[in-house]
Structures are given as C-alpha cells and as structure tokens.
Amino acid sequence: MLVELSGATRWSMYTDSRLGMMSLVDYLVGRGRRRFAFVDNGGSEPWVVDRVAAAAERVAEHGLELPPWAVLREGDYTVLGDQLDKVLRRTDRPDAIIAGSDALALLAATRIREAGLTVGAEVGVTGFDGGMQGWLVDETLTTVRIPATRVAEMLVARLMGLLDGGPPLESGLVLPTELVIGSSG
C-alpha cells in the first residue's frame, strides 16, 4: 500500500505477505500436506505477486513442488472455478489449496465440496486476509490475518501528524501478519 499525502509527501506501509505465506506453507506441511495448488485473482499488485512467489519458494524449500498446472491465476471467478474443478478431478489432485485471499478460499471450499471431497480432511484450503468472510464457511478458515485495524490507526495518526505540522513521516513500514488456525487447513 502506498499512500500519497498532499501531492508531495509519499508514505508507504506494507504487511509482510511473504512471511505470512511462508508460515502458512509451514503449517500445511506440518499437517502432512504434500501436493499443493495456489489460486489467486491474477493481479499484478506487489502483494499478490509476493504471495504466489513466497508460497512456491517455501513449498520448494520443503522439497515439494507447486507444479505449473496447479497455479491458477484468474480474475474471472467463473473461469477460476472451472479451473479448480479440473484440478480437483486429477488423479494427483492437490491435498492443499492455498488461496491468495479469503474470498478465493471460499470459492475453493465450495468447489471441493461440489467435487464430493471433504474440506480440511481430504483437501485443506487456506485463505489470506483474515477478513470476516473467512468465518462464513462450514469449517473455520485457516488464514493469514492482515492487521487492518492497525493499518487504519497508523494511517490516521500519520495524517493527523502531517496536518499538525509534525516531523516527516517515516516510510517503508512493514507490519507483521498473523496465522489463524481453523479446521479448513
């Protein structure tokens, strides 16, 4: 996230998507998951690119593979759902689907159920965001929570400081994420 204040002052703050994704992969591997797929909306935003790269790197660090056919990056949810159906019909189907957002995890969970598989038992599914929709599935969602409240508080404090003529804003802050364990992973 890059915030531009008063046309001249730039201030950037990021959440640590890479570390969050790495902790998620570590958790899944620790639960015995060995065949991975990754789904996201196909965006080019830095956090989207970081998430898929970090997942692939961490899976490889565990001596496992995230094969090209299992990386689904598509902005059209209908097309993405169809791609998930094909992946779930494979004989070497994934036993874990990592989604780049909680909304995409909900799509994956729906497609897993429609394939006659059990979310969490036969195929783990995880999200990323920790938003409210992450708890609106039959199972609780394993996800990485972004500290949205902390981000908002910091943005307001920085803006108020700037309006009050305070010192220059520090740039490049990185906020940690939190792994939230649910029954879906």
C-alpha atoms as a PDB file:
ATOM      1  CA  MET A   1       0.000   0.000   0.000  1.00  0.00           C
ATOM      2  CA  LEU A   2       1.390   3.385  -0.982  1.00  0.00           C
ATOM      3  CA  VAL A   3      -0.236   6.462   0.467  1.00  0.00           C
ATOM      4  CA  GLU A   4       0.335   9.863  -1.103  1.00  0.00           C
ATOM      5  CA  LEU A   5      -0.399  12.809   1.146  1.00  0.00           C
ATOM      6  CA  SER A   6      -0.708  16.458  -0.036  1.00  0.00           C
ATOM      7  CA  GLY A   7       0.580  15.629  -3.517  1.00  0.00           C
ATOM      8  CA  ALA A   8       4.241  15.680  -2.487  1.00  0.00           C
ATOM      9  CA  THR A   9       4.688  13.526   0.579  1.00  0.00           C
ATOM     10  CA  ARG A  10       4.760   9.794  -0.009  1.00  0.00           C
ATOM     11  CA  TRP A  11       4.487   7.264   2.749  1.00  0.00           C
ATOM     12  CA  SER A  12       4.475   3.545   2.300  1.00  0.00           C
ATOM     13  CA  MET A  13       3.342   0.810   4.634  1.00  0.00           C
ATOM     14  CA  TYR A  14       3.217  -2.873   3.848  1.00  0.00           C
ATOM     15  CA  THR A  15       2.055  -6.032   5.516  1.00  0.00           C
ATOM     16  CA  ASP A  16       4.518  -8.890   5.440  1.00  0.00           C
ATOM     17  CA  SER A  17       2.741 -11.074   2.873  1.00  0.00           C
ATOM     18  CA  ARG A  18       5.860 -13.140   2.239  1.00  0.00           C
ATOM     19  CA  LEU A  19       6.386 -14.142   5.864  1.00  0.00           C
ATOM     20  CA  GLY A  20       2.666 -14.743   6.310  1.00  0.00           C
ATOM     21  CA  MET A  21       2.560 -17.037   3.283  1.00  0.00           C
ATOM     22  CA  MET A  22       5.686 -18.883   4.403  1.00  0.00           C
ATOM     23  CA  SER A  23       4.174 -19.558   7.847  1.00  0.00           C
ATOM     24  CA  LEU A  24       1.033 -20.832   6.144  1.00  0.00           C
ATOM     25  CA  VAL A  25       3.000 -23.284   3.972  1.00  0.00           C
ATOM     26  CA  ASP A  26       4.995 -24.435   7.019  1.00  0.00           C
ATOM     27  CA  TYR A  27       1.743 -25.103   8.857  1.00  0.00           C
ATOM     28  CA  LEU A  28       0.298 -27.119   5.956  1.00  0.00           C
ATOM     29  CA  VAL A  29       3.461 -29.187   5.572  1.00  0.00           C
ATOM     30  CA  GLY A  30       3.421 -29.815   9.323  1.00  0.00           C
ATOM     31  CA  ARG A  31      -0.131 -31.151   8.925  1.00  0.00           C
ATOM     32  CA  GLY A  32       1.118 -33.657   6.333  1.00  0.00           C
ATOM     33  CA  ARG A  33       0.103 -31.798   3.159  1.00  0.00           C
ATOM     34  CA  ARG A  34       2.344 -32.685   0.221  1.00  0.00           C
ATOM     35  CA  ARG A  35       0.502 -31.786  -3.022  1.00  0.00           C
ATOM     36  CA  PHE A  36      -0.197 -28.064  -3.368  1.00  0.00           C
ATOM     37  CA  ALA A  37      -2.226 -25.779  -5.594  1.00  0.00           C
ATOM     38  CA  PHE A  38      -2.377 -21.992  -5.456  1.00  0.00           C
ATOM     39  CA  VAL A  39      -5.250 -19.771  -6.583  1.00  0.00           C
ATOM     40  CA  ASP A  40      -5.395 -16.004  -6.870  1.00  0.00           C
ATOM     41  CA  ASN A  41      -7.085 -13.295  -8.885  1.00  0.00           C
ATOM     42  CA  GLY A  42      -4.215 -12.906 -11.355  1.00  0.00           C
ATOM     43  CA  GLY A  43      -3.442  -9.341 -10.291  1.00  0.00           C
ATOM     44  CA  SER A  44      -0.055  -7.708 -10.626  1.00  0.00           C
ATOM     45  CA  GLU A  45      -0.127  -5.815  -7.332  1.00  0.00           C
ATOM     46  CA  PRO A  46       3.074  -6.367  -5.320  1.00  0.00           C
ATOM     47  CA  TRP A  47       1.301  -8.234  -2.504  1.00  0.00           C
ATOM     48  CA  VAL A  48      -0.390 -10.600  -4.993  1.00  0.00           C
ATOM     49  CA  VAL A  49       2.898 -11.375  -6.727  1.00  0.00           C
ATOM     50  CA  ASP A  50       4.665 -11.753  -3.349  1.00  0.00           C
ATOM     51  CA  ARG A  51       2.101 -14.257  -2.104  1.00  0.00           C
ATOM     52  CA  VAL A  52       2.363 -16.673  -5.019  1.00  0.00           C
ATOM     53  CA  ALA A  53       6.174 -16.349  -5.144  1.00  0.00           C
ATOM     54  CA  ALA A  54       6.545 -16.914  -1.395  1.00  0.00           C
ATOM     55  CA  ALA A  55       4.256 -19.957  -1.490  1.00  0.00           C
ATOM     56  CA  ALA A  56       6.178 -21.533  -4.377  1.00  0.00           C
ATOM     57  CA  GLU A  57       9.552 -20.815  -2.757  1.00  0.00           C
ATOM     58  CA  ARG A  58       8.548 -22.197   0.627  1.00  0.00           C
ATOM     59  CA  VAL A  59       6.975 -25.331  -0.869  1.00  0.00           C
ATOM     60  CA  ALA A  60      10.270 -25.913  -2.748  1.00  0.00           C
ATOM     61  CA  GLU A  61      12.278 -25.346   0.462  1.00  0.00           C
ATOM     62  CA  HIS A  62      10.355 -28.292   1.918  1.00  0.00           C
ATOM     63  CA  GLY A  63      11.466 -30.434  -1.034  1.00  0.00           C
ATOM     64  CA  LEU A  64       7.973 -30.368  -2.532  1.00  0.00           C
ATOM     65  CA  GLU A  65       6.564 -28.938  -5.736  1.00  0.00           C
ATOM     66  CA  LEU A  66       3.957 -26.411  -6.749  1.00  0.00           C
ATOM     67  CA  PRO A  67       3.552 -27.582 -10.367  1.00  0.00           C
ATOM     68  CA  PRO A  68       2.635 -25.074 -13.103  1.00  0.00           C
ATOM     69  CA  TRP A  69      -0.746 -26.779 -13.720  1.00  0.00           C
ATOM     70  CA  ALA A  70      -1.607 -26.150 -10.057  1.00  0.00           C
ATOM     71  CA  VAL A  71      -1.016 -22.382 -10.100  1.00  0.00           C
ATOM     72  CA  LEU A  72      -4.348 -20.844 -11.072  1.00  0.00           C
ATOM     73  CA  ARG A  73      -4.272 -17.087 -11.583  1.00  0.00           C
ATOM     74  CA  GLU A  74      -7.513 -15.760 -12.990  1.00  0.00           C
ATOM     75  CA  GLY A  75      -9.630 -12.674 -12.322  1.00  0.00           C
ATOM     76  CA  ASP A  76     -12.871 -14.207 -13.612  1.00  0.00           C
ATOM     77  CA  TYR A  77     -14.277 -16.335 -10.770  1.00  0.00           C
ATOM     78  CA  THR A  78     -16.363 -18.460 -13.164  1.00  0.00           C
ATOM     79  CA  VAL A  79     -13.269 -19.389 -15.159  1.00  0.00           C
ATOM     80  CA  LEU A  80     -11.273 -19.893 -11.954  1.00  0.00           C
ATOM     81  CA  GLY A  81     -13.984 -22.194 -10.588  1.00  0.00           C
ATOM     82  CA  ASP A  82     -13.864 -24.270 -13.779  1.00  0.00           C
ATOM     83  CA  GLN A  83     -10.073 -24.497 -13.493  1.00  0.00           C
ATOM     84  CA  LEU A  84     -10.394 -25.633  -9.869  1.00  0.00           C
ATOM     85  CA  ASP A  85     -12.861 -28.340 -10.937  1.00  0.00           C
ATOM     86  CA  LYS A  86     -10.317 -29.716 -13.424  1.00  0.00           C
ATOM     87  CA  VAL A  87      -7.523 -29.694 -10.847  1.00  0.00           C
ATOM     88  CA  LEU A  88      -9.718 -31.483  -8.311  1.00  0.00           C
ATOM     89  CA  ARG A  89     -10.539 -34.244 -10.836  1.00  0.00           C
ATOM     90  CA  ARG A  90      -6.885 -35.098 -11.407  1.00  0.00           C
ATOM     91  CA  THR A  91      -5.595 -38.394 -10.040  1.00  0.00           C
ATOM     92  CA  ASP A  92      -2.746 -36.416  -8.480  1.00  0.00           C
ATOM     93  CA  ARG A  93      -5.090 -33.722  -7.167  1.00  0.00           C
ATOM     94  CA  PRO A  94      -3.727 -31.393  -4.509  1.00  0.00           C
ATOM     95  CA  ASP A  95      -4.289 -32.133  -0.860  1.00  0.00           C
ATOM     96  CA  ALA A  96      -3.905 -28.414  -0.067  1.00  0.00           C
ATOM     97  CA  ILE A  97      -5.186 -25.367  -1.909  1.00  0.00           C
ATOM     98  CA  ILE A  98      -3.639 -22.067  -0.879  1.00  0.00           C
ATOM     99  CA  ALA A  99      -5.790 -19.105  -1.843  1.00  0.00           C
ATOM    100  CA  GLY A 100      -4.451 -15.587  -2.180  1.00  0.00           C
ATOM    101  CA  SER A 101      -7.489 -14.219  -0.340  1.00  0.00           C
ATOM    102  CA  ASP A 102     -10.265 -15.405   1.945  1.00  0.00           C
ATOM    103  CA  ALA A 103     -12.840 -14.829  -0.818  1.00  0.00           C
ATOM    104  CA  LEU A 104     -10.914 -17.179  -3.106  1.00  0.00           C
ATOM    105  CA  ALA A 105     -10.643 -19.729  -0.290  1.00  0.00           C
ATOM    106  CA  LEU A 106     -14.439 -19.717  -0.084  1.00  0.00           C
ATOM    107  CA  LEU A 107     -14.618 -20.428  -3.822  1.00  0.00           C
ATOM    108  CA  ALA A 108     -12.117 -23.285  -3.418  1.00  0.00           C
ATOM    109  CA  ALA A 109     -14.048 -24.731  -0.441  1.00  0.00           C
ATOM    110  CA  THR A 110     -17.265 -24.672  -2.445  1.00  0.00           C
ATOM    111  CA  ARG A 111     -15.633 -26.457  -5.396  1.00  0.00           C
ATOM    112  CA  ILE A 112     -14.029 -29.030  -3.072  1.00  0.00           C
ATOM    113  CA  ARG A 113     -17.431 -29.851  -1.584  1.00  0.00           C
ATOM    114  CA  GLU A 114     -19.055 -29.983  -5.035  1.00  0.00           C
ATOM    115  CA  ALA A 115     -16.380 -32.499  -6.072  1.00  0.00           C
ATOM    116  CA  GLY A 116     -17.580 -34.728  -3.228  1.00  0.00           C
ATOM    117  CA  LEU A 117     -14.466 -34.133  -1.139  1.00  0.00           C
ATOM    118  CA  THR A 118     -14.212 -33.013   2.476  1.00  0.00           C
ATOM    119  CA  VAL A 119     -12.674 -29.620   3.206  1.00  0.00           C
ATOM    120  CA  GLY A 120      -9.957 -29.934   5.820  1.00  0.00           C
ATOM    121  CA  ALA A 121      -9.794 -33.726   5.756  1.00  0.00           C
ATOM    122  CA  GLU A 122      -9.211 -34.647   2.116  1.00  0.00           C
ATOM    123  CA  VAL A 123      -8.251 -31.231   0.802  1.00  0.00           C
ATOM    124  CA  GLY A 124      -7.047 -28.443   3.044  1.00  0.00           C
ATOM    125  CA  VAL A 125      -7.929 -24.926   1.969  1.00  0.00           C
ATOM    126  CA  THR A 126      -6.446 -21.723   3.301  1.00  0.00           C
ATOM    127  CA  GLY A 127      -7.023 -18.038   2.747  1.00  0.00           C
ATOM    128  CA  PHE A 128      -5.193 -14.791   3.219  1.00  0.00           C
ATOM    129  CA  ASP A 129      -6.640 -11.576   4.707  1.00  0.00           C
ATOM    130  CA  GLY A 130      -8.351 -12.756   7.880  1.00  0.00           C
ATOM    131  CA  GLY A 131     -11.467 -10.820   6.913  1.00  0.00           C
ATOM    132  CA  MET A 132     -14.917 -11.543   8.237  1.00  0.00           C
ATOM    133  CA  GLN A 133     -15.860 -13.714   5.276  1.00  0.00           C
ATOM    134  CA  GLY A 134     -13.148 -16.096   6.456  1.00  0.00           C
ATOM    135  CA  TRP A 135     -15.543 -17.375   9.101  1.00  0.00           C
ATOM    136  CA  LEU A 136     -18.576 -17.848   6.873  1.00  0.00           C
ATOM    137  CA  VAL A 137     -17.869 -21.420   5.788  1.00  0.00           C
ATOM    138  CA  ASP A 138     -18.989 -24.676   7.409  1.00  0.00           C
ATOM    139  CA  GLU A 139     -15.454 -25.072   8.664  1.00  0.00           C
ATOM    140  CA  THR A 140     -13.448 -22.282  10.221  1.00  0.00           C
ATOM    141  CA  LEU A 141     -10.927 -20.981   7.744  1.00  0.00           C
ATOM    142  CA  THR A 142      -7.194 -21.258   8.257  1.00  0.00           C
ATOM    143  CA  THR A 143      -5.937 -17.902   7.039  1.00  0.00           C
ATOM    144  CA  VAL A 144      -3.311 -15.229   7.449  1.00  0.00           C
ATOM    145  CA  ARG A 145      -4.760 -12.160   9.120  1.00  0.00           C
ATOM    146  CA  ILE A 146      -3.672  -8.745   7.939  1.00  0.00           C
ATOM    147  CA  PRO A 147      -3.673  -6.215  10.807  1.00  0.00           C
ATOM    148  CA  ALA A 148      -6.297  -3.988   9.136  1.00  0.00           C
ATOM    149  CA  THR A 149      -7.202  -2.121  12.329  1.00  0.00           C
ATOM    150  CA  ARG A 150      -3.531  -1.347  12.999  1.00  0.00           C
ATOM    151  CA  VAL A 151      -3.046  -0.162   9.400  1.00  0.00           C
ATOM    152  CA  ALA A 152      -6.044   2.187   9.696  1.00  0.00           C
ATOM    153  CA  GLU A 153      -4.864   3.529  13.062  1.00  0.00           C
ATOM    154  CA  MET A 154      -1.393   4.226  11.685  1.00  0.00           C
ATOM    155  CA  LEU A 155      -2.745   5.955   8.576  1.00  0.00           C
ATOM    156  CA  VAL A 156      -4.980   8.241  10.640  1.00  0.00           C
ATOM    157  CA  ALA A 157      -2.149   9.023  13.088  1.00  0.00           C
ATOM    158  CA  ARG A 158       0.240   9.814  10.232  1.00  0.00           C
ATOM    159  CA  LEU A 159      -2.288  12.055   8.522  1.00  0.00           C
ATOM    160  CA  MET A 160      -3.104  13.882  11.754  1.00  0.00           C
ATOM    161  CA  GLY A 161       0.602  14.362  12.428  1.00  0.00           C
ATOM    162  CA  LEU A 162       1.109  15.801   8.958  1.00  0.00           C
ATOM    163  CA  LEU A 163      -1.852  18.154   9.356  1.00  0.00           C
ATOM    164  CA  ASP A 164      -0.428  19.324  12.709  1.00  0.00           C
ATOM    165  CA  GLY A 165       2.930  20.112  11.071  1.00  0.00           C
ATOM    166  CA  GLY A 166       4.696  17.199  12.736  1.00  0.00           C
ATOM    167  CA  PRO A 167       8.029  15.667  11.682  1.00  0.00           C
ATOM    168  CA  PRO A 168       8.424  13.967   8.306  1.00  0.00           C
ATOM    169  CA  LEU A 169       6.791  10.600   8.048  1.00  0.00           C
ATOM    170  CA  GLU A 170       8.973   7.513   8.129  1.00  0.00           C
ATOM    171  CA  SER A 171       8.474   5.416   5.030  1.00  0.00           C
ATOM    172  CA  GLY A 172       8.611   1.723   4.315  1.00  0.00           C
ATOM    173  CA  LEU A 173       6.994   0.367   7.472  1.00  0.00           C
ATOM    174  CA  VAL A 174       6.318  -3.378   7.390  1.00  0.00           C
ATOM    175  CA  LEU A 175       3.627  -4.766   9.686  1.00  0.00           C
ATOM    176  CA  PRO A 176       3.548  -8.436  10.657  1.00  0.00           C
ATOM    177  CA  THR A 177       0.683 -10.749   9.765  1.00  0.00           C
ATOM    178  CA  GLU A 178      -0.797 -13.471  11.964  1.00  0.00           C
ATOM    179  CA  LEU A 179      -1.504 -17.110  11.146  1.00  0.00           C
ATOM    180  CA  VAL A 180      -5.046 -18.015  12.241  1.00  0.00           C
ATOM    181  CA  ILE A 181      -5.634 -21.753  12.538  1.00  0.00           C
ATOM    182  CA  GLY A 182      -9.049 -23.076  11.581  1.00  0.00           C
ATOM    183  CA  SER A 183     -10.373 -26.501  10.690  1.00  0.00           C
ATOM    184  CA  SER A 184     -10.090 -25.979   6.910  1.00  0.00           C
ATOM    185  CA  GLY A 185      -6.316 -26.463   6.665  1.00  0.00           C
END
